[in-house]
Amino acid sequence: MMNSRLNSFLLVFILLLVSCNDEKPDPQTLPSGTKSLYVLNEGLFNMNNSSLTLFDQESRASFTDFFEQTNGRRLGDTGNDMAVYGSKLYIVLTGSSQVEVLEAATGQSLRQIPLFDGQKARQPRAVAFWGRKAYVACLDGMVVAIDTTSLQIEAMVRAGSNPDGIAASAGKLYVSNSGGLNFPHYDSTVSVIDAASLTEIRKISVGINPGAITTDPRGEVYVVRRGNYGNVPPAMVVINPITNAVKLEVQIPVLQLFIYGDTAWLTHIDYSGSMQSSIALWDTKNETLLSNQFITDGTTPETVYGVFADRPRGLVYVADARSFVNTGMVHVYNLQGKKQFSFPTGLNPSKMAAK
């Protein structure tokens, strides 16, 4: 989903990390009985070095390769999405073409769900939930329904070209069809799928290269339109789930977004120029920009790769991939954008979820 310049960056990163692929984690004493934060570390494509970090919010201890310590094996290749639903933690691994399901309270593996079309990998990218189903969007164009009790695949439906994100609202699934594998001929649609019958209702035009997609407390669907990393800039598009029509388009630099309550954190990396990162704040209720810069104390994460807000604790967690070749970090801020502390993670931390 990236331009040629970004692909060249990734090639260099892969070459630099080959010699580090066999490192083993140090044994550590793991916490029990406290609320914790999981951090999914993406790793690098085809390096089998995705990992899961556990951060104990009470003791502030970080366990950088929690999955391997708990399960005695590596997590897999290219962790792309993660979410807690009920008592389970779902991890989407694009390179391994599978969904790893853990017991959220302990991190113990419950099941690995492979997603293949014969011998061909479907390359899952994102997961969303509605009712008793987990719905996984795959780069081969399919959305796969998984029963959250049996953890068995029940059905699937075709969406558009190279789905890169999925969200659920009002009994419907919204799938962002990026067409990124057909660069520079991107797709520009969001598929609307009835969750019960698993049939596509319609496609909504949102502009080229839609990616991250999520919902606000009113069920409205927010889509990041990434553009072409060049002369077509990114934007944020809002879809009304009742009419299934675009109700708002905001020209703002954004590549990922995280919504908690009425606040959306919009992250951006200037891949076409400076490579600098930023985080803006958007009011989803009043549909206004709150601030162009969430961080107010002058601290600057090198590469903002994800955000997670814990409003009950008054904290915002910012994943920093740094240079993409070094151990990542998560920087923790208060709601006023002032840094409180940091903790180490694995390589390229991105998604976060609380258990």
Protein backbone atom coordinates (compact mmCIF):
# COMPACT_ATOMS: atom_id res chain seq x y z
CA MET A 1 0.00 0.00 0.00
CA MET A 2 3.06 2.27 -0.12
CA ASN A 3 4.89 4.09 -2.85
CA SER A 4 8.19 2.96 -4.33
CA ARG A 5 10.20 5.19 -2.03
CA LEU A 6 8.67 3.57 1.03
CA ASN A 7 9.26 0.10 -0.41
CA SER A 8 12.95 0.91 -0.75
CA PHE A 9 13.02 1.88 2.92
CA LEU A 10 11.54 -1.48 3.87
CA LEU A 11 14.05 -3.40 1.79
CA VAL A 12 16.91 -1.76 3.67
CA PHE A 13 15.22 -2.55 6.98
CA ILE A 14 14.89 -6.24 6.08
CA LEU A 15 18.56 -6.54 5.15
CA LEU A 16 19.65 -4.89 8.37
CA LEU A 17 17.55 -7.20 10.51
CA VAL A 18 18.42 -10.60 9.07
CA SER A 19 21.18 -11.14 11.60
CA CYS A 20 18.81 -10.37 14.51
CA ASN A 21 16.10 -12.84 13.59
CA ASP A 22 17.20 -15.60 16.02
CA GLU A 23 17.40 -13.52 19.20
CA LYS A 24 15.62 -15.07 22.18
CA PRO A 25 13.83 -13.12 24.91
CA ASP A 26 15.23 -13.01 28.43
CA PRO A 27 13.16 -14.92 30.97
CA GLN A 28 11.04 -12.59 33.10
CA THR A 29 8.54 -12.94 35.91
CA LEU A 30 5.11 -12.14 34.51
CA PRO A 31 2.42 -10.18 36.39
CA SER A 32 -0.94 -11.63 37.34
CA GLY A 33 -4.23 -10.13 38.38
CA THR A 34 -3.61 -6.58 37.17
CA LYS A 35 -5.06 -4.72 34.21
CA SER A 36 -2.54 -4.74 31.38
CA LEU A 37 -2.01 -3.35 27.93
CA TYR A 38 -1.09 -5.55 24.97
CA VAL A 39 1.12 -4.06 22.23
CA LEU A 40 1.31 -5.81 18.86
CA ASN A 41 4.74 -5.42 17.28
CA GLU A 42 4.39 -5.74 13.52
CA GLY A 43 7.98 -6.82 12.80
CA LEU A 44 8.99 -6.95 9.14
CA PHE A 45 7.40 -8.81 6.25
CA ASN A 46 8.77 -12.36 5.71
CA MET A 47 11.01 -12.13 8.80
CA ASN A 48 8.72 -14.07 11.17
CA ASN A 49 9.49 -11.54 13.90
CA SER A 50 6.12 -10.22 14.97
CA SER A 51 5.78 -10.19 18.75
CA LEU A 52 3.44 -9.26 21.56
CA THR A 53 4.48 -6.98 24.42
CA LEU A 54 2.61 -6.93 27.73
CA PHE A 55 2.69 -3.74 29.80
CA ASP A 56 1.54 -3.95 33.42
CA GLN A 57 -0.21 -0.65 34.08
CA GLU A 58 0.16 -1.00 37.86
CA SER A 59 3.88 -1.76 38.16
CA ARG A 60 4.83 -0.16 34.82
CA ALA A 61 6.80 -3.30 33.93
CA SER A 62 7.16 -4.16 30.23
CA PHE A 63 7.50 -7.76 29.00
CA THR A 64 8.77 -7.33 25.48
CA ASP A 65 8.11 -10.79 24.04
CA PHE A 66 5.19 -11.94 26.12
CA PHE A 67 3.68 -14.29 23.54
CA GLU A 68 6.83 -16.39 23.10
CA GLN A 69 7.41 -16.55 26.84
CA THR A 70 3.84 -17.69 27.44
CA ASN A 71 3.41 -20.10 24.51
CA GLY A 72 6.92 -21.33 23.78
CA ARG A 73 6.87 -20.36 20.10
CA ARG A 74 6.99 -17.27 17.93
CA LEU A 75 3.85 -15.34 17.15
CA GLY A 76 4.30 -15.30 13.38
CA ASP A 77 4.84 -12.96 10.46
CA THR A 78 3.62 -9.35 10.05
CA GLY A 79 1.11 -8.67 12.80
CA ASN A 80 -1.30 -6.19 11.24
CA ASP A 81 -4.29 -5.91 13.58
CA MET A 82 -5.36 -6.84 17.10
CA ALA A 83 -8.51 -6.50 19.22
CA VAL A 84 -10.08 -7.83 22.41
CA TYR A 85 -13.63 -9.17 22.03
CA GLY A 86 -15.28 -10.85 24.99
CA SER A 87 -12.69 -12.96 26.78
CA LYS A 88 -10.48 -13.42 23.72
CA LEU A 89 -7.67 -11.49 22.04
CA TYR A 90 -7.58 -11.75 18.23
CA ILE A 91 -4.31 -11.10 16.37
CA VAL A 92 -4.27 -10.83 12.57
CA LEU A 93 -1.01 -12.00 10.97
CA THR A 94 -0.80 -11.05 7.31
CA GLY A 95 2.48 -12.78 6.44
CA SER A 96 1.52 -16.00 8.22
CA SER A 97 -2.00 -15.72 6.73
CA GLN A 98 -3.69 -16.66 9.97
CA VAL A 99 -5.58 -15.33 12.96
CA GLU A 100 -4.08 -16.17 16.34
CA VAL A 101 -6.70 -16.29 19.12
CA LEU A 102 -5.54 -15.94 22.73
CA GLU A 103 -7.20 -16.02 26.10
CA ALA A 104 -7.09 -12.31 26.87
CA ALA A 105 -6.55 -12.73 30.61
CA THR A 106 -3.47 -14.96 30.29
CA GLY A 107 -2.11 -14.68 26.75
CA GLN A 108 -2.40 -18.45 26.27
CA SER A 109 -3.07 -19.50 22.68
CA LEU A 110 -6.52 -20.98 22.11
CA ARG A 111 -6.37 -21.55 18.37
CA GLN A 112 -4.52 -20.66 15.18
CA ILE A 113 -6.95 -20.11 12.31
CA PRO A 114 -5.22 -20.42 8.91
CA LEU A 115 -6.74 -18.41 6.04
CA PHE A 116 -5.85 -19.93 2.67
CA ASP A 117 -7.48 -20.52 -0.69
CA GLY A 118 -6.02 -23.94 -1.35
CA GLN A 119 -2.28 -23.25 -1.16
CA LYS A 120 -2.69 -19.51 -1.76
CA ALA A 121 -2.51 -17.22 1.24
CA ARG A 122 -5.51 -14.93 1.68
CA GLN A 123 -3.33 -12.45 3.62
CA PRO A 124 -5.70 -11.21 6.35
CA ARG A 125 -5.34 -7.53 7.25
CA ALA A 126 -7.96 -6.48 9.80
CA VAL A 127 -10.71 -7.77 12.09
CA ALA A 128 -14.06 -6.39 13.30
CA PHE A 129 -16.89 -7.90 15.35
CA TRP A 130 -20.67 -8.00 15.29
CA GLY A 131 -22.82 -10.32 17.40
CA ARG A 132 -21.11 -13.66 17.83
CA LYS A 133 -18.87 -13.33 14.80
CA ALA A 134 -15.40 -12.06 14.04
CA TYR A 135 -15.07 -10.74 10.49
CA VAL A 136 -11.63 -10.72 8.89
CA ALA A 137 -10.85 -8.66 5.78
CA CYS A 138 -8.19 -10.26 3.54
CA LEU A 139 -6.05 -8.84 0.76
CA ASP A 140 -7.35 -11.45 -1.70
CA GLY A 141 -10.70 -9.63 -1.60
CA MET A 142 -12.56 -11.89 0.82
CA VAL A 143 -14.20 -11.17 4.17
CA VAL A 144 -14.18 -14.29 6.36
CA ALA A 145 -16.73 -14.87 9.16
CA ILE A 146 -15.45 -16.75 12.22
CA ASP A 147 -17.70 -17.97 15.04
CA THR A 148 -16.32 -16.49 18.28
CA THR A 149 -17.35 -19.54 20.35
CA SER A 150 -16.19 -22.44 18.19
CA LEU A 151 -13.45 -20.38 16.46
CA GLN A 152 -14.39 -22.09 13.20
CA ILE A 153 -14.75 -20.41 9.80
CA GLU A 154 -18.44 -20.27 8.92
CA ALA A 155 -18.68 -18.34 5.66
CA MET A 156 -17.06 -15.72 3.47
CA VAL A 157 -18.00 -13.05 0.96
CA ARG A 158 -16.09 -11.10 -1.66
CA ALA A 159 -15.62 -7.37 -1.13
CA GLY A 160 -13.47 -5.17 -3.40
CA SER A 161 -9.82 -4.99 -4.38
CA ASN A 162 -7.28 -5.65 -1.61
CA PRO A 163 -9.35 -4.83 1.51
CA ASP A 164 -7.17 -3.08 4.09
CA GLY A 165 -9.61 -2.35 6.93
CA ILE A 166 -12.99 -3.34 8.34
CA ALA A 167 -15.50 -1.85 10.81
CA ALA A 168 -18.99 -2.79 11.97
CA SER A 169 -22.01 -0.55 12.54
CA ALA A 170 -25.79 -1.08 12.66
CA GLY A 171 -25.54 -4.73 11.60
CA LYS A 172 -23.36 -3.91 8.63
CA LEU A 173 -19.69 -4.35 7.81
CA TYR A 174 -17.75 -1.55 6.14
CA VAL A 175 -14.68 -2.73 4.22
CA SER A 176 -12.10 -0.33 2.82
CA ASN A 177 -10.98 -1.57 -0.60
CA SER A 178 -7.51 -0.10 -1.12
CA GLY A 179 -6.42 -1.74 -4.37
CA GLY A 180 -2.93 -1.18 -3.01
CA LEU A 181 -1.43 -4.25 -4.65
CA ASN A 182 -2.40 -2.73 -8.00
CA PHE A 183 -0.37 0.46 -7.41
CA PRO A 184 -0.69 2.99 -8.99
CA HIS A 185 -4.21 1.84 -9.94
CA TYR A 186 -5.82 2.07 -6.52
CA ASP A 187 -9.39 1.16 -5.62
CA SER A 188 -11.56 3.95 -4.22
CA THR A 189 -14.51 2.20 -2.58
CA VAL A 190 -15.89 0.97 0.74
CA SER A 191 -17.98 -2.21 0.51
CA VAL A 192 -21.12 -2.32 2.68
CA ILE A 193 -21.92 -5.91 3.70
CA ASP A 194 -24.94 -7.17 5.63
CA ALA A 195 -23.41 -9.00 8.60
CA ALA A 196 -26.27 -11.49 9.04
CA SER A 197 -26.54 -12.71 5.45
CA LEU A 198 -22.95 -11.87 4.51
CA THR A 199 -24.00 -10.27 1.25
CA GLU A 200 -22.65 -7.04 -0.23
CA ILE A 201 -25.31 -4.30 -0.25
CA ARG A 202 -23.42 -1.61 -2.12
CA LYS A 203 -20.11 0.12 -2.68
CA ILE A 204 -19.48 3.71 -1.57
CA SER A 205 -16.98 5.88 -3.44
CA VAL A 206 -14.62 7.60 -0.97
CA GLY A 207 -11.54 8.47 -3.08
CA ILE A 208 -8.39 6.54 -3.90
CA ASN A 209 -6.60 4.17 -1.54
CA PRO A 210 -8.93 3.89 1.49
CA GLY A 211 -7.22 2.29 4.47
CA ALA A 212 -7.94 2.58 8.19
CA ILE A 213 -11.63 2.49 9.06
CA THR A 214 -13.46 2.65 12.40
CA THR A 215 -16.66 3.93 14.06
CA ASP A 216 -17.54 6.60 16.60
CA PRO A 217 -20.03 6.23 19.51
CA ARG A 218 -22.94 7.14 17.21
CA GLY A 219 -22.00 4.41 14.74
CA GLU A 220 -20.76 6.79 12.07
CA VAL A 221 -17.97 5.29 9.98
CA TYR A 222 -14.64 7.08 9.67
CA VAL A 223 -12.41 6.20 6.71
CA VAL A 224 -8.83 7.27 6.04
CA ARG A 225 -8.34 8.00 2.34
CA ARG A 226 -4.57 7.79 1.93
CA GLY A 227 -4.22 9.21 -1.57
CA ASN A 228 -1.14 8.19 -3.56
CA TYR A 229 1.62 9.45 -1.21
CA GLY A 230 2.34 12.12 -3.82
CA ASN A 231 0.12 14.59 -5.62
CA VAL A 232 -3.14 13.19 -4.22
CA PRO A 233 -3.17 14.06 -0.50
CA PRO A 234 -4.79 12.03 2.29
CA ALA A 235 -8.16 12.93 3.79
CA MET A 236 -10.72 11.70 6.31
CA VAL A 237 -14.17 10.66 5.11
CA VAL A 238 -17.25 10.13 7.32
CA ILE A 239 -20.07 7.79 6.25
CA ASN A 240 -23.62 7.90 7.63
CA PRO A 241 -24.54 4.25 8.48
CA ILE A 242 -28.26 4.89 7.95
CA THR A 243 -28.03 6.31 4.43
CA ASN A 244 -24.70 4.66 3.55
CA ALA A 245 -23.63 7.95 2.00
CA VAL A 246 -20.60 10.16 2.57
CA LYS A 247 -21.68 12.99 4.88
CA LEU A 248 -18.32 14.70 5.44
CA GLU A 249 -14.87 14.92 3.86
CA VAL A 250 -12.04 16.60 5.74
CA GLN A 251 -8.79 17.53 3.99
CA ILE A 252 -6.28 16.71 6.72
CA PRO A 253 -3.00 14.74 6.84
CA VAL A 254 -3.94 11.34 8.28
CA LEU A 255 -2.82 7.73 7.83
CA GLN A 256 -4.30 6.06 10.94
CA LEU A 257 -6.96 7.01 13.44
CA PHE A 258 -8.12 5.87 16.87
CA ILE A 259 -11.46 6.90 18.38
CA TYR A 260 -12.32 6.83 22.06
CA GLY A 261 -15.54 8.53 23.13
CA ASP A 262 -15.99 11.74 21.17
CA THR A 263 -12.28 12.20 20.43
CA ALA A 264 -10.36 10.90 17.42
CA TRP A 265 -6.57 10.84 17.39
CA LEU A 266 -5.39 11.23 13.78
CA THR A 267 -1.81 10.14 13.13
CA HIS A 268 0.27 10.97 10.08
CA ILE A 269 3.75 10.25 8.73
CA ASP A 270 5.03 12.40 5.86
CA TYR A 271 6.27 9.52 3.67
CA SER A 272 6.51 11.80 0.63
CA GLY A 273 8.90 14.26 2.23
CA SER A 274 10.26 14.88 5.73
CA MET A 275 9.17 11.54 7.33
CA GLN A 276 8.02 13.60 10.32
CA SER A 277 5.10 12.38 12.44
CA SER A 278 2.14 14.25 13.87
CA ILE A 279 -1.03 13.60 15.89
CA ALA A 280 -4.14 15.77 15.46
CA LEU A 281 -7.33 15.74 17.57
CA TRP A 282 -10.84 15.67 16.09
CA ASP A 283 -14.18 16.08 17.89
CA THR A 284 -16.45 13.39 16.41
CA LYS A 285 -19.61 14.77 18.04
CA ASN A 286 -19.28 18.37 16.88
CA GLU A 287 -17.24 17.46 13.79
CA THR A 288 -14.53 20.02 14.44
CA LEU A 289 -10.75 19.99 14.60
CA LEU A 290 -9.64 20.37 18.21
CA SER A 291 -5.92 20.67 17.57
CA ASN A 292 -3.33 20.09 14.86
CA GLN A 293 -0.93 18.74 17.48
CA PHE A 294 -1.91 16.58 20.45
CA ILE A 295 1.59 16.64 21.97
CA THR A 296 2.05 19.96 23.77
CA ASP A 297 5.35 19.60 25.66
CA GLY A 298 7.78 19.60 22.74
CA THR A 299 8.60 15.88 22.92
CA THR A 300 8.63 14.31 19.45
CA PRO A 301 8.22 10.56 18.83
CA GLU A 302 10.37 9.60 15.86
CA THR A 303 7.77 7.57 13.98
CA VAL A 304 4.20 7.54 15.33
CA TYR A 305 2.81 4.14 14.38
CA GLY A 306 -0.28 3.82 16.59
CA VAL A 307 -2.32 5.40 19.38
CA PHE A 308 -4.41 3.98 22.22
CA ALA A 309 -6.38 6.09 24.72
CA ASP A 310 -7.17 4.96 28.25
CA ARG A 311 -9.47 7.76 29.42
CA PRO A 312 -10.33 6.19 32.81
CA ARG A 313 -6.63 6.43 33.68
CA GLY A 314 -6.23 9.72 31.85
CA LEU A 315 -3.47 8.35 29.63
CA VAL A 316 -2.75 8.17 25.88
CA TYR A 317 -0.27 5.58 24.59
CA VAL A 318 1.71 6.51 21.47
CA ALA A 319 3.54 3.69 19.64
CA ASP A 320 6.88 4.79 18.19
CA ALA A 321 8.45 2.58 15.50
CA ARG A 322 11.53 4.83 15.62
CA SER A 323 13.69 4.05 12.56
CA PHE A 324 11.87 0.75 11.79
CA VAL A 325 15.07 -1.21 12.58
CA ASN A 326 15.52 -0.62 16.31
CA THR A 327 13.46 -1.77 19.26
CA GLY A 328 10.27 0.26 19.39
CA MET A 329 8.92 2.33 22.25
CA VAL A 330 5.55 3.39 23.61
CA HIS A 331 5.44 6.91 25.02
CA VAL A 332 2.68 7.62 27.51
CA TYR A 333 1.04 11.07 27.70
CA ASN A 334 -1.67 12.60 29.81
CA LEU A 335 -4.80 13.95 28.14
CA GLN A 336 -3.19 17.38 27.93
CA GLY A 337 -0.45 15.99 25.68
CA LYS A 338 2.38 16.03 28.23
CA LYS A 339 4.69 13.02 28.40
CA GLN A 340 4.60 10.93 31.57
CA PHE A 341 6.91 7.98 30.85
CA SER A 342 7.96 5.46 28.16
CA PHE A 343 8.48 1.70 27.94
CA PRO A 344 10.22 -0.58 25.39
CA THR A 345 8.42 -2.91 22.99
CA GLY A 346 9.40 -5.12 20.06
CA LEU A 347 10.03 -4.14 16.46
CA ASN A 348 7.50 -1.70 14.94
CA PRO A 349 4.79 -1.46 17.63
CA SER A 350 1.43 -0.53 16.13
CA LYS A 351 -1.87 -1.85 17.53
CA MET A 352 -2.71 -1.79 21.24
CA ALA A 353 -5.52 -3.32 23.29
CA ALA A 354 -6.34 -3.48 27.01
CA LYS A 355 -7.35 -6.70 28.73
